[in-house]
Amino acid sequence: MSALFALPARFLSTGALRSRLPLQWALAAVLSMGSLAGAQAESPVAQTPPAQQLAAVDPRWSASLEAFAAADLKQAPLPGGVVFVGSSSIRLWNDLETSFADQPVVIKRGFGGSQLLDCVKLVNRLVLPYKPRMVVVYAGENDLAEGATPRDVAERFVAFVRAVKADLPDSRIAFVSIKPSPSRSGMIAAVRETNELIKAYSTTEPQLDFIDVFSSMLDVNGQPRGELFLGDRLHLNAEGYALWQRIIALHLKG
């Protein structure tokens, strides 16, 4: 990741994250490198020629990207809608488009196994062509599972925001908090830390939003609610998606 998006390590140490004030210092460090609206430097995606962007695409996503392109040819979505982008939690949401009936246009662009880093690389194909009024992102869980740190994921979200804003400055961007998957209970501390960083970062710009599904997915003992997940203890079942729908719908108004 470019140094433009690097958060100084001294602000993001484990000790620094234990209190709110040092976290605000970390956010100040991000903003000191240029505001989202007026940053002089372009995003990594914007700087990369289209041919190179396509060459960098993981072949695992080829089938998904081809399916998206085919769907667009069949019926091009109208601009001004809501784009849901991210990993398998978006891809496996079978009734996502009909779950938000009050929205005139809902576009699902989830590709299973993907990382937030992939969303940054593919923003020109997953988001920008649709000119949405709002982008809802669920990604970052796979990044952590593959060894990324909370700081890495926060930097990747900053990169995603800047890539979208470079082309669509008026679009809102909402980050759905990383969920507490029972099968990844060993990541829970990293998940909390990542959510905290992105939640705080999202307060620094009026067009950013943080959607907290994490808290509602814990039981009274602070453990993941197993009844919200499929047998693999990783992906959501119908009850889990119903919970998400109720929470996310509150953030789509306006």
C-alpha atoms as a PDB file:
ATOM      1  CA  MET A   1       0.000   0.000   0.000  1.00  0.00           C
ATOM      2  CA  SER A   2       1.240   3.478  -0.841  1.00  0.00           C
ATOM      3  CA  ALA A   3       2.774   5.510   1.948  1.00  0.00           C
ATOM      4  CA  LEU A   4      -0.005   8.039   1.281  1.00  0.00           C
ATOM      5  CA  PHE A   5      -2.361   5.787   3.212  1.00  0.00           C
ATOM      6  CA  ALA A   6       0.067   4.628   5.915  1.00  0.00           C
ATOM      7  CA  LEU A   7      -0.938   5.345   9.488  1.00  0.00           C
ATOM      8  CA  PRO A   8       2.101   6.046  11.680  1.00  0.00           C
ATOM      9  CA  ALA A   9       2.831   2.924  13.718  1.00  0.00           C
ATOM     10  CA  ARG A  10       3.362   4.886  16.936  1.00  0.00           C
ATOM     11  CA  PHE A  11      -0.297   5.956  16.842  1.00  0.00           C
ATOM     12  CA  LEU A  12      -1.618   2.473  16.139  1.00  0.00           C
ATOM     13  CA  SER A  13       0.212   0.388  18.673  1.00  0.00           C
ATOM     14  CA  THR A  14      -1.857  -1.879  20.890  1.00  0.00           C
ATOM     15  CA  GLY A  15      -1.350   0.486  23.766  1.00  0.00           C
ATOM     16  CA  ALA A  16      -2.491   3.498  21.762  1.00  0.00           C
ATOM     17  CA  LEU A  17      -5.764   1.821  20.889  1.00  0.00           C
ATOM     18  CA  ARG A  18      -6.700   1.358  24.532  1.00  0.00           C
ATOM     19  CA  SER A  19      -7.936   4.937  24.820  1.00  0.00           C
ATOM     20  CA  ARG A  20      -9.962   7.234  22.591  1.00  0.00           C
ATOM     21  CA  LEU A  21      -7.535  10.152  22.526  1.00  0.00           C
ATOM     22  CA  PRO A  22      -4.601   8.318  20.895  1.00  0.00           C
ATOM     23  CA  LEU A  23      -7.061   6.937  18.336  1.00  0.00           C
ATOM     24  CA  GLN A  24      -8.000  10.490  17.436  1.00  0.00           C
ATOM     25  CA  TRP A  25      -4.291  11.220  16.957  1.00  0.00           C
ATOM     26  CA  ALA A  26      -4.169   8.326  14.517  1.00  0.00           C
ATOM     27  CA  LEU A  27      -7.086   9.771  12.581  1.00  0.00           C
ATOM     28  CA  ALA A  28      -5.434  13.174  12.569  1.00  0.00           C
ATOM     29  CA  ALA A  29      -2.373  11.550  11.042  1.00  0.00           C
ATOM     30  CA  VAL A  30      -4.537  10.186   8.227  1.00  0.00           C
ATOM     31  CA  LEU A  31      -6.183  13.527   7.586  1.00  0.00           C
ATOM     32  CA  SER A  32      -2.907  15.429   7.717  1.00  0.00           C
ATOM     33  CA  MET A  33      -1.915  13.591   4.547  1.00  0.00           C
ATOM     34  CA  GLY A  34      -4.775  15.225   2.646  1.00  0.00           C
ATOM     35  CA  SER A  35      -8.548  15.380   2.984  1.00  0.00           C
ATOM     36  CA  LEU A  36     -10.718  13.018   0.959  1.00  0.00           C
ATOM     37  CA  ALA A  37     -12.272  15.900  -0.913  1.00  0.00           C
ATOM     38  CA  GLY A  38      -9.131  17.891  -1.597  1.00  0.00           C
ATOM     39  CA  ALA A  39      -6.221  15.475  -1.577  1.00  0.00           C
ATOM     40  CA  GLN A  40      -3.676  16.366  -4.230  1.00  0.00           C
ATOM     41  CA  ALA A  41      -2.550  12.790  -4.824  1.00  0.00           C
ATOM     42  CA  GLU A  42      -4.717  10.330  -6.695  1.00  0.00           C
ATOM     43  CA  SER A  43      -5.696   6.925  -5.370  1.00  0.00           C
ATOM     44  CA  PRO A  44      -3.617   3.858  -6.302  1.00  0.00           C
ATOM     45  CA  VAL A  45      -6.449   2.691  -8.536  1.00  0.00           C
ATOM     46  CA  ALA A  46      -6.658   6.028 -10.314  1.00  0.00           C
ATOM     47  CA  GLN A  47      -2.906   6.027 -10.930  1.00  0.00           C
ATOM     48  CA  THR A  48      -2.868   2.579 -12.489  1.00  0.00           C
ATOM     49  CA  PRO A  49      -3.579   2.308 -16.246  1.00  0.00           C
ATOM     50  CA  PRO A  50      -6.691   0.206 -16.994  1.00  0.00           C
ATOM     51  CA  ALA A  51      -4.677  -2.525 -18.735  1.00  0.00           C
ATOM     52  CA  GLN A  52      -2.520  -2.977 -15.650  1.00  0.00           C
ATOM     53  CA  GLN A  53      -5.572  -2.974 -13.398  1.00  0.00           C
ATOM     54  CA  LEU A  54      -7.080  -5.828 -15.387  1.00  0.00           C
ATOM     55  CA  ALA A  55      -3.791  -7.721 -15.459  1.00  0.00           C
ATOM     56  CA  ALA A  56      -3.663  -7.555 -11.661  1.00  0.00           C
ATOM     57  CA  VAL A  57      -7.103  -9.119 -11.232  1.00  0.00           C
ATOM     58  CA  ASP A  58      -6.985 -12.446  -9.415  1.00  0.00           C
ATOM     59  CA  PRO A  59      -8.265 -15.131 -11.815  1.00  0.00           C
ATOM     60  CA  ARG A  60     -10.552 -16.335  -9.018  1.00  0.00           C
ATOM     61  CA  TRP A  61     -12.758 -13.312  -9.690  1.00  0.00           C
ATOM     62  CA  SER A  62     -13.014 -13.762 -13.468  1.00  0.00           C
ATOM     63  CA  ALA A  63     -16.290 -15.695 -13.371  1.00  0.00           C
ATOM     64  CA  SER A  64     -17.881 -13.164 -11.021  1.00  0.00           C
ATOM     65  CA  LEU A  65     -16.758 -10.201 -13.100  1.00  0.00           C
ATOM     66  CA  GLU A  66     -18.034 -11.847 -16.277  1.00  0.00           C
ATOM     67  CA  ALA A  67     -21.394 -12.475 -14.602  1.00  0.00           C
ATOM     68  CA  PHE A  68     -21.609  -8.828 -13.522  1.00  0.00           C
ATOM     69  CA  ALA A  69     -20.806  -7.672 -17.068  1.00  0.00           C
ATOM     70  CA  ALA A  70     -23.419 -10.008 -18.542  1.00  0.00           C
ATOM     71  CA  ALA A  71     -26.048  -8.737 -16.112  1.00  0.00           C
ATOM     72  CA  ASP A  72     -25.237  -5.154 -17.039  1.00  0.00           C
ATOM     73  CA  LEU A  73     -25.604  -5.936 -20.745  1.00  0.00           C
ATOM     74  CA  LYS A  74     -28.977  -7.540 -20.108  1.00  0.00           C
ATOM     75  CA  GLN A  75     -30.246  -4.603 -18.083  1.00  0.00           C
ATOM     76  CA  ALA A  76     -28.007  -1.668 -17.278  1.00  0.00           C
ATOM     77  CA  PRO A  77     -28.749  -0.375 -13.755  1.00  0.00           C
ATOM     78  CA  LEU A  78     -29.888   3.227 -13.491  1.00  0.00           C
ATOM     79  CA  PRO A  79     -27.524   5.673 -11.786  1.00  0.00           C
ATOM     80  CA  GLY A  80     -28.247   6.969  -8.305  1.00  0.00           C
ATOM     81  CA  GLY A  81     -28.805   3.587  -6.661  1.00  0.00           C
ATOM     82  CA  VAL A  82     -27.163   1.698  -3.814  1.00  0.00           C
ATOM     83  CA  VAL A  83     -24.274  -0.641  -4.603  1.00  0.00           C
ATOM     84  CA  PHE A  84     -23.471  -3.429  -2.154  1.00  0.00           C
ATOM     85  CA  VAL A  85     -19.896  -4.601  -2.645  1.00  0.00           C
ATOM     86  CA  GLY A  86     -17.659  -7.027  -0.794  1.00  0.00           C
ATOM     87  CA  SER A  87     -17.025 -10.656  -0.012  1.00  0.00           C
ATOM     88  CA  SER A  88     -19.202 -13.759   0.351  1.00  0.00           C
ATOM     89  CA  SER A  89     -21.464 -12.177   2.961  1.00  0.00           C
ATOM     90  CA  ILE A  90     -22.712  -9.962   0.128  1.00  0.00           C
ATOM     91  CA  ARG A  91     -22.540 -12.628  -2.586  1.00  0.00           C
ATOM     92  CA  LEU A  92     -24.576 -15.162  -0.575  1.00  0.00           C
ATOM     93  CA  TRP A  93     -27.300 -12.669   0.361  1.00  0.00           C
ATOM     94  CA  ASN A  94     -29.760 -14.226  -2.081  1.00  0.00           C
ATOM     95  CA  ASP A  95     -32.628 -11.792  -1.605  1.00  0.00           C
ATOM     96  CA  LEU A  96     -30.515  -8.685  -1.125  1.00  0.00           C
ATOM     97  CA  GLU A  97     -32.037  -6.778  -4.038  1.00  0.00           C
ATOM     98  CA  THR A  98     -35.566  -7.317  -2.706  1.00  0.00           C
ATOM     99  CA  SER A  99     -34.643  -6.833   0.944  1.00  0.00           C
ATOM    100  CA  PHE A 100     -34.592  -3.055   0.493  1.00  0.00           C
ATOM    101  CA  ALA A 101     -37.836  -2.502  -1.382  1.00  0.00           C
ATOM    102  CA  ASP A 102     -37.862   1.218  -0.616  1.00  0.00           C
ATOM    103  CA  GLN A 103     -34.721   1.707  -2.703  1.00  0.00           C
ATOM    104  CA  PRO A 104     -35.367   2.198  -6.453  1.00  0.00           C
ATOM    105  CA  VAL A 105     -32.060   0.621  -7.480  1.00  0.00           C
ATOM    106  CA  VAL A 106     -30.056  -1.971  -5.514  1.00  0.00           C
ATOM    107  CA  ILE A 107     -26.999  -3.555  -7.128  1.00  0.00           C
ATOM    108  CA  LYS A 108     -25.239  -6.580  -5.605  1.00  0.00           C
ATOM    109  CA  ARG A 109     -21.554  -6.883  -6.432  1.00  0.00           C
ATOM    110  CA  GLY A 110     -20.194  -9.408  -3.951  1.00  0.00           C
ATOM    111  CA  PHE A 111     -17.523 -11.942  -4.867  1.00  0.00           C
ATOM    112  CA  GLY A 112     -16.773 -14.725  -2.417  1.00  0.00           C
ATOM    113  CA  GLY A 113     -13.352 -15.023  -0.843  1.00  0.00           C
ATOM    114  CA  SER A 114     -12.389 -11.488  -1.760  1.00  0.00           C
ATOM    115  CA  GLN A 115     -10.563  -9.022   0.440  1.00  0.00           C
ATOM    116  CA  LEU A 116     -11.048  -5.301   0.902  1.00  0.00           C
ATOM    117  CA  LEU A 117      -7.826  -4.970  -1.044  1.00  0.00           C
ATOM    118  CA  ASP A 118      -9.569  -6.580  -4.035  1.00  0.00           C
ATOM    119  CA  CYS A 119     -12.400  -4.074  -3.751  1.00  0.00           C
ATOM    120  CA  VAL A 120      -9.830  -1.284  -4.040  1.00  0.00           C
ATOM    121  CA  LYS A 121      -8.244  -2.841  -7.110  1.00  0.00           C
ATOM    122  CA  LEU A 122     -11.605  -3.447  -8.788  1.00  0.00           C
ATOM    123  CA  VAL A 123     -13.426  -0.267  -7.804  1.00  0.00           C
ATOM    124  CA  ASN A 124     -13.502   0.841 -11.445  1.00  0.00           C
ATOM    125  CA  ARG A 125     -15.576  -2.247 -12.299  1.00  0.00           C
ATOM    126  CA  LEU A 126     -17.554  -2.877  -9.117  1.00  0.00           C
ATOM    127  CA  VAL A 127     -18.635   0.646  -8.217  1.00  0.00           C
ATOM    128  CA  LEU A 128     -17.761   3.513 -10.542  1.00  0.00           C
ATOM    129  CA  PRO A 129     -19.768   2.471 -13.647  1.00  0.00           C
ATOM    130  CA  TYR A 130     -23.030   2.530 -11.671  1.00  0.00           C
ATOM    131  CA  LYS A 131     -22.662   6.093 -10.374  1.00  0.00           C
ATOM    132  CA  PRO A 132     -24.396   5.197  -7.105  1.00  0.00           C
ATOM    133  CA  ARG A 133     -25.611   7.671  -4.535  1.00  0.00           C
ATOM    134  CA  MET A 134     -24.391   5.217  -1.880  1.00  0.00           C
ATOM    135  CA  VAL A 135     -21.905   2.361  -1.611  1.00  0.00           C
ATOM    136  CA  VAL A 136     -22.295  -0.242   1.156  1.00  0.00           C
ATOM    137  CA  VAL A 137     -19.116  -2.227   1.803  1.00  0.00           C
ATOM    138  CA  TYR A 138     -18.684  -5.503   3.648  1.00  0.00           C
ATOM    139  CA  ALA A 139     -15.059  -6.605   3.419  1.00  0.00           C
ATOM    140  CA  GLY A 140     -11.972  -6.877   5.598  1.00  0.00           C
ATOM    141  CA  GLU A 141     -12.737 -10.134   7.386  1.00  0.00           C
ATOM    142  CA  ASN A 142     -10.865 -12.165   4.783  1.00  0.00           C
ATOM    143  CA  ASP A 143      -7.995  -9.663   4.889  1.00  0.00           C
ATOM    144  CA  LEU A 144      -7.567 -10.362   8.601  1.00  0.00           C
ATOM    145  CA  ALA A 145      -7.869 -14.114   8.043  1.00  0.00           C
ATOM    146  CA  GLU A 146      -5.088 -13.909   5.443  1.00  0.00           C
ATOM    147  CA  GLY A 147      -2.724 -12.121   7.823  1.00  0.00           C
ATOM    148  CA  ALA A 148      -3.509  -8.424   7.386  1.00  0.00           C
ATOM    149  CA  THR A 149      -3.403  -6.300  10.532  1.00  0.00           C
ATOM    150  CA  PRO A 150      -6.212  -3.974  11.670  1.00  0.00           C
ATOM    151  CA  ARG A 151      -4.010  -1.112  10.534  1.00  0.00           C
ATOM    152  CA  ASP A 152      -3.719  -2.708   7.072  1.00  0.00           C
ATOM    153  CA  VAL A 153      -7.484  -3.022   6.765  1.00  0.00           C
ATOM    154  CA  ALA A 154      -8.029   0.570   7.902  1.00  0.00           C
ATOM    155  CA  GLU A 155      -5.545   1.773   5.292  1.00  0.00           C
ATOM    156  CA  ARG A 156      -7.324  -0.255   2.627  1.00  0.00           C
ATOM    157  CA  PHE A 157     -10.644   1.328   3.514  1.00  0.00           C
ATOM    158  CA  VAL A 158      -9.076   4.792   3.248  1.00  0.00           C
ATOM    159  CA  ALA A 159      -7.784   3.779  -0.188  1.00  0.00           C
ATOM    160  CA  PHE A 160     -11.239   2.528  -1.204  1.00  0.00           C
ATOM    161  CA  VAL A 161     -12.884   5.763  -0.080  1.00  0.00           C
ATOM    162  CA  ARG A 162     -10.404   7.893  -1.951  1.00  0.00           C
ATOM    163  CA  ALA A 163     -10.754   5.785  -5.101  1.00  0.00           C
ATOM    164  CA  VAL A 164     -14.533   6.225  -5.058  1.00  0.00           C
ATOM    165  CA  LYS A 165     -14.386   9.908  -4.155  1.00  0.00           C
ATOM    166  CA  ALA A 166     -11.909  10.665  -6.927  1.00  0.00           C
ATOM    167  CA  ASP A 167     -14.615   9.803  -9.467  1.00  0.00           C
ATOM    168  CA  LEU A 168     -17.842  10.168  -7.450  1.00  0.00           C
ATOM    169  CA  PRO A 169     -17.275  12.969  -4.935  1.00  0.00           C
ATOM    170  CA  ASP A 170     -20.951  13.154  -3.930  1.00  0.00           C
ATOM    171  CA  SER A 171     -21.469   9.463  -3.194  1.00  0.00           C
ATOM    172  CA  ARG A 172     -21.916   8.248   0.383  1.00  0.00           C
ATOM    173  CA  ILE A 173     -19.881   5.254   1.564  1.00  0.00           C
ATOM    174  CA  ALA A 174     -20.977   3.019   4.437  1.00  0.00           C
ATOM    175  CA  PHE A 175     -18.777   0.348   5.976  1.00  0.00           C
ATOM    176  CA  VAL A 176     -20.610  -2.617   7.506  1.00  0.00           C
ATOM    177  CA  SER A 177     -18.653  -3.675  10.573  1.00  0.00           C
ATOM    178  CA  ILE A 178     -16.774  -6.959  10.389  1.00  0.00           C
ATOM    179  CA  LYS A 179     -18.940  -9.648  11.954  1.00  0.00           C
ATOM    180  CA  PRO A 180     -17.938 -11.936  14.862  1.00  0.00           C
ATOM    181  CA  SER A 181     -17.794 -15.275  13.038  1.00  0.00           C
ATOM    182  CA  PRO A 182     -17.715 -18.244  15.465  1.00  0.00           C
ATOM    183  CA  SER A 183     -15.304 -20.147  13.224  1.00  0.00           C
ATOM    184  CA  ARG A 184     -12.861 -17.251  13.477  1.00  0.00           C
ATOM    185  CA  SER A 185     -13.127 -16.629  17.200  1.00  0.00           C
ATOM    186  CA  GLY A 186      -9.353 -16.311  17.391  1.00  0.00           C
ATOM    187  CA  MET A 187      -9.635 -13.102  15.347  1.00  0.00           C
ATOM    188  CA  ILE A 188     -12.121 -11.402  17.646  1.00  0.00           C
ATOM    189  CA  ALA A 189      -9.607  -8.947  19.133  1.00  0.00           C
ATOM    190  CA  ALA A 190      -8.381  -7.971  15.664  1.00  0.00           C
ATOM    191  CA  VAL A 191     -11.980  -7.624  14.457  1.00  0.00           C
ATOM    192  CA  ARG A 192     -12.826  -5.295  17.348  1.00  0.00           C
ATOM    193  CA  GLU A 193      -9.716  -3.209  16.719  1.00  0.00           C
ATOM    194  CA  THR A 194     -10.395  -2.951  12.989  1.00  0.00           C
ATOM    195  CA  ASN A 195     -14.014  -1.956  13.558  1.00  0.00           C
ATOM    196  CA  GLU A 196     -12.940   0.666  16.079  1.00  0.00           C
ATOM    197  CA  LEU A 197     -10.431   2.218  13.683  1.00  0.00           C
ATOM    198  CA  ILE A 198     -12.870   2.368  10.784  1.00  0.00           C
ATOM    199  CA  LYS A 199     -15.729   3.597  12.956  1.00  0.00           C
ATOM    200  CA  ALA A 200     -13.606   6.477  14.230  1.00  0.00           C
ATOM    201  CA  TYR A 201     -12.299   7.257  10.743  1.00  0.00           C
ATOM    202  CA  SER A 202     -15.883   7.353   9.436  1.00  0.00           C
ATOM    203  CA  THR A 203     -16.715  10.204  11.815  1.00  0.00           C
ATOM    204  CA  THR A 204     -14.186  12.461  10.098  1.00  0.00           C
ATOM    205  CA  GLU A 205     -16.180  12.966   6.893  1.00  0.00           C
ATOM    206  CA  PRO A 206     -19.938  13.632   6.601  1.00  0.00           C
ATOM    207  CA  GLN A 207     -20.349  11.320   3.614  1.00  0.00           C
ATOM    208  CA  LEU A 208     -18.932   8.314   5.467  1.00  0.00           C
ATOM    209  CA  ASP A 209     -20.986   6.015   7.659  1.00  0.00           C
ATOM    210  CA  PHE A 210     -20.240   3.049   9.913  1.00  0.00           C
ATOM    211  CA  ILE A 211     -22.944   0.387  10.234  1.00  0.00           C
ATOM    212  CA  ASP A 212     -22.515  -1.595  13.433  1.00  0.00           C
ATOM    213  CA  VAL A 213     -23.815  -5.151  12.995  1.00  0.00           C
ATOM    214  CA  PHE A 214     -21.079  -6.569  15.247  1.00  0.00           C
ATOM    215  CA  SER A 215     -22.687  -5.537  18.548  1.00  0.00           C
ATOM    216  CA  SER A 216     -26.072  -7.069  17.709  1.00  0.00           C
ATOM    217  CA  MET A 217     -24.420 -10.352  16.742  1.00  0.00           C
ATOM    218  CA  LEU A 218     -23.092 -10.971  20.262  1.00  0.00           C
ATOM    219  CA  ASP A 219     -25.006 -12.643  23.079  1.00  0.00           C
ATOM    220  CA  VAL A 220     -25.272 -11.388  26.662  1.00  0.00           C
ATOM    221  CA  ASN A 221     -21.890 -12.961  27.419  1.00  0.00           C
ATOM    222  CA  GLY A 222     -20.185 -11.141  24.545  1.00  0.00           C
ATOM    223  CA  GLN A 223     -19.924 -14.287  22.424  1.00  0.00           C
ATOM    224  CA  PRO A 224     -21.025 -14.697  18.770  1.00  0.00           C
ATOM    225  CA  ARG A 225     -24.666 -15.691  18.435  1.00  0.00           C
ATOM    226  CA  GLY A 226     -24.410 -19.088  16.773  1.00  0.00           C
ATOM    227  CA  GLU A 227     -28.072 -19.062  15.711  1.00  0.00           C
ATOM    228  CA  LEU A 228     -27.257 -16.365  13.143  1.00  0.00           C
ATOM    229  CA  PHE A 229     -24.842 -18.577  11.190  1.00  0.00           C
ATOM    230  CA  LEU A 230     -24.924 -21.566   8.881  1.00  0.00           C
ATOM    231  CA  GLY A 231     -23.352 -24.865   9.889  1.00  0.00           C
ATOM    232  CA  ASP A 232     -19.932 -23.671   8.746  1.00  0.00           C
ATOM    233  CA  ARG A 233     -20.077 -21.071  11.566  1.00  0.00           C
ATOM    234  CA  LEU A 234     -18.802 -18.484   9.092  1.00  0.00           C
ATOM    235  CA  HIS A 235     -21.609 -17.490   6.741  1.00  0.00           C
ATOM    236  CA  LEU A 236     -24.974 -16.029   7.709  1.00  0.00           C
ATOM    237  CA  ASN A 237     -28.256 -17.894   7.652  1.00  0.00           C
ATOM    238  CA  ALA A 238     -31.691 -16.345   6.983  1.00  0.00           C
ATOM    239  CA  GLU A 239     -31.962 -15.085  10.570  1.00  0.00           C
ATOM    240  CA  GLY A 240     -28.541 -13.461  10.313  1.00  0.00           C
ATOM    241  CA  TYR A 241     -29.438 -11.688   7.081  1.00  0.00           C
ATOM    242  CA  ALA A 242     -32.762 -10.542   8.533  1.00  0.00           C
ATOM    243  CA  LEU A 243     -30.820  -8.901  11.362  1.00  0.00           C
ATOM    244  CA  TRP A 244     -28.472  -7.234   8.889  1.00  0.00           C
ATOM    245  CA  GLN A 245     -31.395  -5.995   6.814  1.00  0.00           C
ATOM    246  CA  ARG A 246     -33.043  -4.314   9.801  1.00  0.00           C
ATOM    247  CA  ILE A 247     -29.835  -2.539  10.807  1.00  0.00           C
ATOM    248  CA  ILE A 248     -28.623  -1.557   7.343  1.00  0.00           C
ATOM    249  CA  ALA A 249     -32.044  -0.272   6.244  1.00  0.00           C
ATOM    250  CA  LEU A 250     -31.831   2.457   8.888  1.00  0.00           C
ATOM    251  CA  HIS A 251     -28.713   3.823   7.164  1.00  0.00           C
ATOM    252  CA  LEU A 252     -30.101   3.898   3.622  1.00  0.00           C
ATOM    253  CA  LYS A 253     -32.675   6.603   4.208  1.00  0.00           C
ATOM    254  CA  GLY A 254     -32.127  10.026   2.758  1.00  0.00           C
END
